[in-house]
Amino acid sequence: MNIKLEERKITIAHRLLHKRLRRGFGYDDGGYHNLRAFLINRVEQQSNYKLIVELDGADPESVAKIRNRDEYLKEKYGDDWR
């Protein structure tokens, strides 16, 4: 799996979703919400949930980052995350 390519695909789907939402399409977003979810789930499932996709869903300019799940949880919650 090419991590940089997957990050780019998720970022593009995310930005297209926000572009449609800004234009007032609402729930008729052209399927970009489902596409973004599919791409994120595919990365996590293929890595056997060892990778996580970090993306701020509310920010239209957010860039997807694929990170190691253990490192992300340690950074967010400290060493006692388990």
PDB file of N, CA and C in Angstrom:
ATOM      1  N   MET A   1       0.842  -1.171   0.000  1.00  0.00           N
ATOM      2  CA  MET A   1       0.000   0.000   0.000  1.00  0.00           C
ATOM      3  C   MET A   1       0.896   1.244   0.000  1.00  0.00           C
ATOM      4  N   ASN A   2       0.615   2.141  -0.907  1.00  0.00           N
ATOM      5  CA  ASN A   2       1.358   3.399  -1.007  1.00  0.00           C
ATOM      6  C   ASN A   2       0.677   4.425  -0.094  1.00  0.00           C
ATOM      7  N   ILE A   3       1.310   4.716   1.047  1.00  0.00           N
ATOM      8  CA  ILE A   3       0.721   5.579   2.072  1.00  0.00           C
ATOM      9  C   ILE A   3       0.463   6.991   1.532  1.00  0.00           C
ATOM     10  N   LYS A   4       1.420   7.562   0.831  1.00  0.00           N
ATOM     11  CA  LYS A   4       1.265   8.930   0.318  1.00  0.00           C
ATOM     12  C   LYS A   4       0.107   9.022  -0.680  1.00  0.00           C
ATOM     13  N   LEU A   5      -0.038   8.028  -1.523  1.00  0.00           N
ATOM     14  CA  LEU A   5      -1.130   8.026  -2.496  1.00  0.00           C
ATOM     15  C   LEU A   5      -2.483   7.909  -1.795  1.00  0.00           C
ATOM     16  N   GLU A   6      -2.563   7.056  -0.782  1.00  0.00           N
ATOM     17  CA  GLU A   6      -3.808   6.907  -0.034  1.00  0.00           C
ATOM     18  C   GLU A   6      -4.162   8.201   0.694  1.00  0.00           C
ATOM     19  N   GLU A   7      -3.166   8.868   1.291  1.00  0.00           N
ATOM     20  CA  GLU A   7      -3.413  10.155   1.946  1.00  0.00           C
ATOM     21  C   GLU A   7      -3.949  11.179   0.949  1.00  0.00           C
ATOM     22  N   ARG A   8      -3.381  11.182  -0.220  1.00  0.00           N
ATOM     23  CA  ARG A   8      -3.808  12.134  -1.243  1.00  0.00           C
ATOM     24  C   ARG A   8      -5.252  11.863  -1.706  1.00  0.00           C
ATOM     25  N   LYS A   9      -5.587  10.588  -1.903  1.00  0.00           N
ATOM     26  CA  LYS A   9      -6.944  10.230  -2.324  1.00  0.00           C
ATOM     27  C   LYS A   9      -7.974  10.653  -1.275  1.00  0.00           C
ATOM     28  N   ILE A  10      -7.675  10.400  -0.007  1.00  0.00           N
ATOM     29  CA  ILE A  10      -8.600  10.762   1.073  1.00  0.00           C
ATOM     30  C   ILE A  10      -8.743  12.277   1.157  1.00  0.00           C
ATOM     31  N   THR A  11      -7.643  13.006   1.025  1.00  0.00           N
ATOM     32  CA  THR A  11      -7.685  14.470   1.068  1.00  0.00           C
ATOM     33  C   THR A  11      -8.518  15.023  -0.077  1.00  0.00           C
ATOM     34  N   ILE A  12      -8.360  14.480  -1.262  1.00  0.00           N
ATOM     35  CA  ILE A  12      -9.137  14.947  -2.421  1.00  0.00           C
ATOM     36  C   ILE A  12     -10.619  14.691  -2.209  1.00  0.00           C
ATOM     37  N   ALA A  13     -10.983  13.501  -1.745  1.00  0.00           N
ATOM     38  CA  ALA A  13     -12.394  13.189  -1.492  1.00  0.00           C
ATOM     39  C   ALA A  13     -12.962  14.111  -0.417  1.00  0.00           C
ATOM     40  N   HIS A  14     -12.168  14.411   0.610  1.00  0.00           N
ATOM     41  CA  HIS A  14     -12.593  15.299   1.689  1.00  0.00           C
ATOM     42  C   HIS A  14     -12.850  16.717   1.162  1.00  0.00           C
ATOM     43  N   ARG A  15     -11.956  17.212   0.352  1.00  0.00           N
ATOM     44  CA  ARG A  15     -12.120  18.570  -0.185  1.00  0.00           C
ATOM     45  C   ARG A  15     -13.268  18.657  -1.175  1.00  0.00           C
ATOM     46  N   LEU A  16     -13.480  17.629  -1.976  1.00  0.00           N
ATOM     47  CA  LEU A  16     -14.624  17.622  -2.888  1.00  0.00           C
ATOM     48  C   LEU A  16     -15.943  17.583  -2.110  1.00  0.00           C
ATOM     49  N   LEU A  17     -15.969  16.829  -1.026  1.00  0.00           N
ATOM     50  CA  LEU A  17     -17.156  16.785  -0.174  1.00  0.00           C
ATOM     51  C   LEU A  17     -17.480  18.182   0.355  1.00  0.00           C
ATOM     52  N   HIS A  18     -16.479  18.875   0.883  1.00  0.00           N
ATOM     53  CA  HIS A  18     -16.713  20.212   1.433  1.00  0.00           C
ATOM     54  C   HIS A  18     -17.080  21.223   0.344  1.00  0.00           C
ATOM     55  N   LYS A  19     -16.529  21.039  -0.827  1.00  0.00           N
ATOM     56  CA  LYS A  19     -16.888  21.928  -1.935  1.00  0.00           C
ATOM     57  C   LYS A  19     -18.372  21.788  -2.258  1.00  0.00           C
ATOM     58  N   ARG A  20     -18.876  20.555  -2.304  1.00  0.00           N
ATOM     59  CA  ARG A  20     -20.298  20.311  -2.574  1.00  0.00           C
ATOM     60  C   ARG A  20     -21.164  20.840  -1.436  1.00  0.00           C
ATOM     61  N   LEU A  21     -20.701  20.680  -0.206  1.00  0.00           N
ATOM     62  CA  LEU A  21     -21.483  21.157   0.936  1.00  0.00           C
ATOM     63  C   LEU A  21     -21.568  22.679   0.952  1.00  0.00           C
ATOM     64  N   ARG A  22     -20.483  23.361   0.586  1.00  0.00           N
ATOM     65  CA  ARG A  22     -20.499  24.831   0.539  1.00  0.00           C
ATOM     66  C   ARG A  22     -21.464  25.348  -0.511  1.00  0.00           C
ATOM     67  N   ARG A  23     -21.656  24.587  -1.559  1.00  0.00           N
ATOM     68  CA  ARG A  23     -22.572  25.006  -2.627  1.00  0.00           C
ATOM     69  C   ARG A  23     -24.024  24.730  -2.288  1.00  0.00           C
ATOM     70  N   GLY A  24     -24.280  24.146  -1.123  1.00  0.00           N
ATOM     71  CA  GLY A  24     -25.641  23.944  -0.664  1.00  0.00           C
ATOM     72  C   GLY A  24     -26.286  22.654  -1.103  1.00  0.00           C
ATOM     73  N   PHE A  25     -25.506  21.675  -1.520  1.00  0.00           N
ATOM     74  CA  PHE A  25     -26.087  20.409  -1.940  1.00  0.00           C
ATOM     75  C   PHE A  25     -26.523  19.548  -0.754  1.00  0.00           C
ATOM     76  N   GLY A  26     -25.946  19.793   0.410  1.00  0.00           N
ATOM     77  CA  GLY A  26     -26.345  19.067   1.614  1.00  0.00           C
ATOM     78  C   GLY A  26     -26.145  17.569   1.484  1.00  0.00           C
ATOM     79  N   TYR A  27     -27.219  16.811   1.678  1.00  0.00           N
ATOM     80  CA  TYR A  27     -27.110  15.351   1.655  1.00  0.00           C
ATOM     81  C   TYR A  27     -26.876  14.810   0.251  1.00  0.00           C
ATOM     82  N   ASP A  28     -27.124  15.615  -0.755  1.00  0.00           N
ATOM     83  CA  ASP A  28     -26.840  15.196  -2.125  1.00  0.00           C
ATOM     84  C   ASP A  28     -25.416  15.631  -2.486  1.00  0.00           C
ATOM     85  N   ASP A  29     -24.450  15.056  -1.778  1.00  0.00           N
ATOM     86  CA  ASP A  29     -23.056  15.483  -1.932  1.00  0.00           C
ATOM     87  C   ASP A  29     -22.320  14.725  -3.028  1.00  0.00           C
ATOM     88  N   GLY A  30     -23.019  13.984  -3.837  1.00  0.00           N
ATOM     89  CA  GLY A  30     -22.391  13.258  -4.937  1.00  0.00           C
ATOM     90  C   GLY A  30     -21.694  11.980  -4.505  1.00  0.00           C
ATOM     91  N   GLY A  31     -21.915  11.548  -3.271  1.00  0.00           N
ATOM     92  CA  GLY A  31     -21.303  10.315  -2.791  1.00  0.00           C
ATOM     93  C   GLY A  31     -19.899  10.498  -2.233  1.00  0.00           C
ATOM     94  N   TYR A  32     -19.443  11.749  -2.100  1.00  0.00           N
ATOM     95  CA  TYR A  32     -18.075  11.968  -1.618  1.00  0.00           C
ATOM     96  C   TYR A  32     -17.918  11.590  -0.155  1.00  0.00           C
ATOM     97  N   HIS A  33     -18.989  11.689   0.636  1.00  0.00           N
ATOM     98  CA  HIS A  33     -18.927  11.250   2.027  1.00  0.00           C
ATOM     99  C   HIS A  33     -18.675   9.741   2.079  1.00  0.00           C
ATOM    100  N   ASN A  34     -19.404   8.997   1.261  1.00  0.00           N
ATOM    101  CA  ASN A  34     -19.223   7.545   1.229  1.00  0.00           C
ATOM    102  C   ASN A  34     -17.863   7.160   0.670  1.00  0.00           C
ATOM    103  N   LEU A  35     -17.389   7.894  -0.336  1.00  0.00           N
ATOM    104  CA  LEU A  35     -16.071   7.627  -0.909  1.00  0.00           C
ATOM    105  C   LEU A  35     -14.974   7.847   0.128  1.00  0.00           C
ATOM    106  N   ARG A  36     -15.073   8.967   0.854  1.00  0.00           N
ATOM    107  CA  ARG A  36     -14.077   9.267   1.893  1.00  0.00           C
ATOM    108  C   ARG A  36     -14.086   8.180   2.960  1.00  0.00           C
ATOM    109  N   ALA A  37     -15.272   7.767   3.402  1.00  0.00           N
ATOM    110  CA  ALA A  37     -15.377   6.712   4.415  1.00  0.00           C
ATOM    111  C   ALA A  37     -14.810   5.393   3.891  1.00  0.00           C
ATOM    112  N   PHE A  38     -15.098   5.055   2.631  1.00  0.00           N
ATOM    113  CA  PHE A  38     -14.576   3.829   2.030  1.00  0.00           C
ATOM    114  C   PHE A  38     -13.051   3.835   2.009  1.00  0.00           C
ATOM    115  N   LEU A  39     -12.457   4.960   1.606  1.00  0.00           N
ATOM    116  CA  LEU A  39     -10.996   5.042   1.527  1.00  0.00           C
ATOM    117  C   LEU A  39     -10.354   4.932   2.909  1.00  0.00           C
ATOM    118  N   ILE A  40     -10.960   5.589   3.893  1.00  0.00           N
ATOM    119  CA  ILE A  40     -10.424   5.516   5.260  1.00  0.00           C
ATOM    120  C   ILE A  40     -10.541   4.087   5.793  1.00  0.00           C
ATOM    121  N   ASN A  41     -11.695   3.466   5.623  1.00  0.00           N
ATOM    122  CA  ASN A  41     -11.885   2.095   6.112  1.00  0.00           C
ATOM    123  C   ASN A  41     -10.958   1.113   5.415  1.00  0.00           C
ATOM    124  N   ARG A  42     -10.725   1.322   4.130  1.00  0.00           N
ATOM    125  CA  ARG A  42      -9.844   0.415   3.386  1.00  0.00           C
ATOM    126  C   ARG A  42      -8.421   0.450   3.934  1.00  0.00           C
ATOM    127  N   VAL A  43      -7.923   1.643   4.229  1.00  0.00           N
ATOM    128  CA  VAL A  43      -6.564   1.763   4.791  1.00  0.00           C
ATOM    129  C   VAL A  43      -6.489   1.056   6.136  1.00  0.00           C
ATOM    130  N   GLU A  44      -7.481   1.303   6.990  1.00  0.00           N
ATOM    131  CA  GLU A  44      -7.448   0.707   8.323  1.00  0.00           C
ATOM    132  C   GLU A  44      -7.613  -0.812   8.275  1.00  0.00           C
ATOM    133  N   GLN A  45      -8.486  -1.309   7.407  1.00  0.00           N
ATOM    134  CA  GLN A  45      -8.690  -2.751   7.322  1.00  0.00           C
ATOM    135  C   GLN A  45      -7.498  -3.471   6.700  1.00  0.00           C
ATOM    136  N   GLN A  46      -6.895  -2.876   5.679  1.00  0.00           N
ATOM    137  CA  GLN A  46      -5.746  -3.529   5.043  1.00  0.00           C
ATOM    138  C   GLN A  46      -4.551  -3.608   5.976  1.00  0.00           C
ATOM    139  N   SER A  47      -4.448  -2.658   6.905  1.00  0.00           N
ATOM    140  CA  SER A  47      -3.333  -2.685   7.843  1.00  0.00           C
ATOM    141  C   SER A  47      -3.669  -3.492   9.090  1.00  0.00           C
ATOM    142  N   ASN A  48      -4.832  -4.151   9.072  1.00  0.00           N
ATOM    143  CA  ASN A  48      -5.289  -4.913  10.227  1.00  0.00           C
ATOM    144  C   ASN A  48      -5.427  -3.998  11.451  1.00  0.00           C
ATOM    145  N   TYR A  49      -5.875  -2.784  11.198  1.00  0.00           N
ATOM    146  CA  TYR A  49      -6.124  -1.748  12.205  1.00  0.00           C
ATOM    147  C   TYR A  49      -4.876  -1.325  12.958  1.00  0.00           C
ATOM    148  N   LYS A  50      -3.710  -1.438  12.326  1.00  0.00           N
ATOM    149  CA  LYS A  50      -2.473  -0.939  12.914  1.00  0.00           C
ATOM    150  C   LYS A  50      -2.219   0.505  12.502  1.00  0.00           C
ATOM    151  N   LEU A  51      -2.912   0.961  11.455  1.00  0.00           N
ATOM    152  CA  LEU A  51      -2.796   2.344  11.000  1.00  0.00           C
ATOM    153  C   LEU A  51      -4.123   3.053  11.231  1.00  0.00           C
ATOM    154  N   ILE A  52      -4.044   4.352  11.414  1.00  0.00           N
ATOM    155  CA  ILE A  52      -5.225   5.169  11.617  1.00  0.00           C
ATOM    156  C   ILE A  52      -5.115   6.384  10.704  1.00  0.00           C
ATOM    157  N   VAL A  53      -6.253   6.864  10.216  1.00  0.00           N
ATOM    158  CA  VAL A  53      -6.279   8.047   9.366  1.00  0.00           C
ATOM    159  C   VAL A  53      -6.696   9.221  10.234  1.00  0.00           C
ATOM    160  N   GLU A  54      -5.830  10.211  10.312  1.00  0.00           N
ATOM    161  CA  GLU A  54      -6.115  11.411  11.093  1.00  0.00           C
ATOM    162  C   GLU A  54      -6.568  12.508  10.130  1.00  0.00           C
ATOM    163  N   LEU A  55      -7.791  13.005  10.352  1.00  0.00           N
ATOM    164  CA  LEU A  55      -8.387  13.997   9.464  1.00  0.00           C
ATOM    165  C   LEU A  55      -9.395  14.805  10.256  1.00  0.00           C
ATOM    166  N   ASP A  56      -9.309  16.135  10.177  1.00  0.00           N
ATOM    167  CA  ASP A  56     -10.287  16.997  10.833  1.00  0.00           C
ATOM    168  C   ASP A  56     -11.465  17.170   9.889  1.00  0.00           C
ATOM    169  N   GLY A  57     -12.564  16.485  10.173  1.00  0.00           N
ATOM    170  CA  GLY A  57     -13.713  16.481   9.282  1.00  0.00           C
ATOM    171  C   GLY A  57     -14.382  17.829   9.118  1.00  0.00           C
ATOM    172  N   ALA A  58     -14.270  18.721  10.109  1.00  0.00           N
ATOM    173  CA  ALA A  58     -14.937  20.021  10.032  1.00  0.00           C
ATOM    174  C   ALA A  58     -14.135  21.029   9.229  1.00  0.00           C
ATOM    175  N   ASP A  59     -12.848  20.808   9.063  1.00  0.00           N
ATOM    176  CA  ASP A  59     -11.977  21.754   8.353  1.00  0.00           C
ATOM    177  C   ASP A  59     -11.899  21.375   6.878  1.00  0.00           C
ATOM    178  N   PRO A  60     -12.389  22.252   5.970  1.00  0.00           N
ATOM    179  CA  PRO A  60     -12.354  21.911   4.544  1.00  0.00           C
ATOM    180  C   PRO A  60     -10.945  21.820   3.958  1.00  0.00           C
ATOM    181  N   GLU A  61      -9.963  22.414   4.629  1.00  0.00           N
ATOM    182  CA  GLU A  61      -8.590  22.385   4.137  1.00  0.00           C
ATOM    183  C   GLU A  61      -7.722  21.349   4.844  1.00  0.00           C
ATOM    184  N   SER A  62      -8.347  20.489   5.631  1.00  0.00           N
ATOM    185  CA  SER A  62      -7.612  19.468   6.368  1.00  0.00           C
ATOM    186  C   SER A  62      -6.941  18.480   5.409  1.00  0.00           C
ATOM    187  N   VAL A  63      -5.764  18.027   5.799  1.00  0.00           N
ATOM    188  CA  VAL A  63      -4.999  17.063   5.006  1.00  0.00           C
ATOM    189  C   VAL A  63      -4.950  15.749   5.782  1.00  0.00           C
ATOM    190  N   ALA A  64      -5.256  14.661   5.118  1.00  0.00           N
ATOM    191  CA  ALA A  64      -5.257  13.345   5.749  1.00  0.00           C
ATOM    192  C   ALA A  64      -3.824  12.902   6.038  1.00  0.00           C
ATOM    193  N   LYS A  65      -3.636  12.346   7.225  1.00  0.00           N
ATOM    194  CA  LYS A  65      -2.354  11.780   7.623  1.00  0.00           C
ATOM    195  C   LYS A  65      -2.594  10.364   8.113  1.00  0.00           C
ATOM    196  N   ILE A  66      -1.856   9.431   7.579  1.00  0.00           N
ATOM    197  CA  ILE A  66      -1.947   8.037   8.016  1.00  0.00           C
ATOM    198  C   ILE A  66      -0.838   7.807   9.022  1.00  0.00           C
ATOM    199  N   ARG A  67      -1.239   7.371  10.216  1.00  0.00           N
ATOM    200  CA  ARG A  67      -0.282   7.219  11.307  1.00  0.00           C
ATOM    201  C   ARG A  67      -0.416   5.848  11.950  1.00  0.00           C
ATOM    202  N   ASN A  68       0.591   5.479  12.680  1.00  0.00           N
ATOM    203  CA  ASN A  68       0.566   4.253  13.467  1.00  0.00           C
ATOM    204  C   ASN A  68      -0.415   4.448  14.624  1.00  0.00           C
ATOM    205  N   ARG A  69      -1.339   3.517  14.794  1.00  0.00           N
ATOM    206  CA  ARG A  69      -2.388   3.654  15.815  1.00  0.00           C
ATOM    207  C   ARG A  69      -1.804   3.746  17.228  1.00  0.00           C
ATOM    208  N   ASP A  70      -0.830   2.909  17.561  1.00  0.00           N
ATOM    209  CA  ASP A  70      -0.250   2.929  18.906  1.00  0.00           C
ATOM    210  C   ASP A  70       0.415   4.262  19.205  1.00  0.00           C
ATOM    211  N   GLU A  71       1.177   4.790  18.249  1.00  0.00           N
ATOM    212  CA  GLU A  71       1.839   6.080  18.454  1.00  0.00           C
ATOM    213  C   GLU A  71       0.825   7.207  18.613  1.00  0.00           C
ATOM    214  N   TYR A  72      -0.237   7.161  17.821  1.00  0.00           N
ATOM    215  CA  TYR A  72      -1.276   8.184  17.902  1.00  0.00           C
ATOM    216  C   TYR A  72      -1.949   8.170  19.275  1.00  0.00           C
ATOM    217  N   LEU A  73      -2.298   6.979  19.763  1.00  0.00           N
ATOM    218  CA  LEU A  73      -2.967   6.873  21.054  1.00  0.00           C
ATOM    219  C   LEU A  73      -2.045   7.274  22.202  1.00  0.00           C
ATOM    220  N   LYS A  74      -0.758   6.927  22.123  1.00  0.00           N
ATOM    221  CA  LYS A  74       0.191   7.348  23.151  1.00  0.00           C
ATOM    222  C   LYS A  74       0.332   8.864  23.168  1.00  0.00           C
ATOM    223  N   GLU A  75       0.379   9.465  21.983  1.00  0.00           N
ATOM    224  CA  GLU A  75       0.506  10.920  21.889  1.00  0.00           C
ATOM    225  C   GLU A  75      -0.743  11.626  22.427  1.00  0.00           C
ATOM    226  N   LYS A  76      -1.892  11.078  22.127  1.00  0.00           N
ATOM    227  CA  LYS A  76      -3.149  11.720  22.506  1.00  0.00           C
ATOM    228  C   LYS A  76      -3.499  11.498  23.975  1.00  0.00           C
ATOM    229  N   TYR A  77      -3.288  10.274  24.484  1.00  0.00           N
ATOM    230  CA  TYR A  77      -3.729   9.929  25.829  1.00  0.00           C
ATOM    231  C   TYR A  77      -2.598   9.597  26.803  1.00  0.00           C
ATOM    232  N   GLY A  78      -1.371   9.648  26.351  1.00  0.00           N
ATOM    233  CA  GLY A  78      -0.255   9.335  27.226  1.00  0.00           C
ATOM    234  C   GLY A  78       0.033   7.840  27.239  1.00  0.00           C
ATOM    235  N   ASP A  79       0.935   7.443  28.128  1.00  0.00           N
ATOM    236  CA  ASP A  79       1.347   6.036  28.199  1.00  0.00           C
ATOM    237  C   ASP A  79       0.288   5.123  28.785  1.00  0.00           C
ATOM    238  N   ASP A  80      -0.720   5.677  29.452  1.00  0.00           N
ATOM    239  CA  ASP A  80      -1.750   4.852  30.095  1.00  0.00           C
ATOM    240  C   ASP A  80      -2.987   4.690  29.224  1.00  0.00           C
ATOM    241  N   TRP A  81      -2.825   4.697  27.927  1.00  0.00           N
ATOM    242  CA  TRP A  81      -3.979   4.632  27.027  1.00  0.00           C
ATOM    243  C   TRP A  81      -4.624   3.272  26.975  1.00  0.00           C
ATOM    244  N   ARG A  82      -3.944   2.253  27.402  1.00  0.00           N
ATOM    245  CA  ARG A  82      -4.506   0.889  27.346  1.00  0.00           C
ATOM    246  C   ARG A  82      -5.337   0.592  28.544  1.00  0.00           C
TER     247      ARG A  82
END
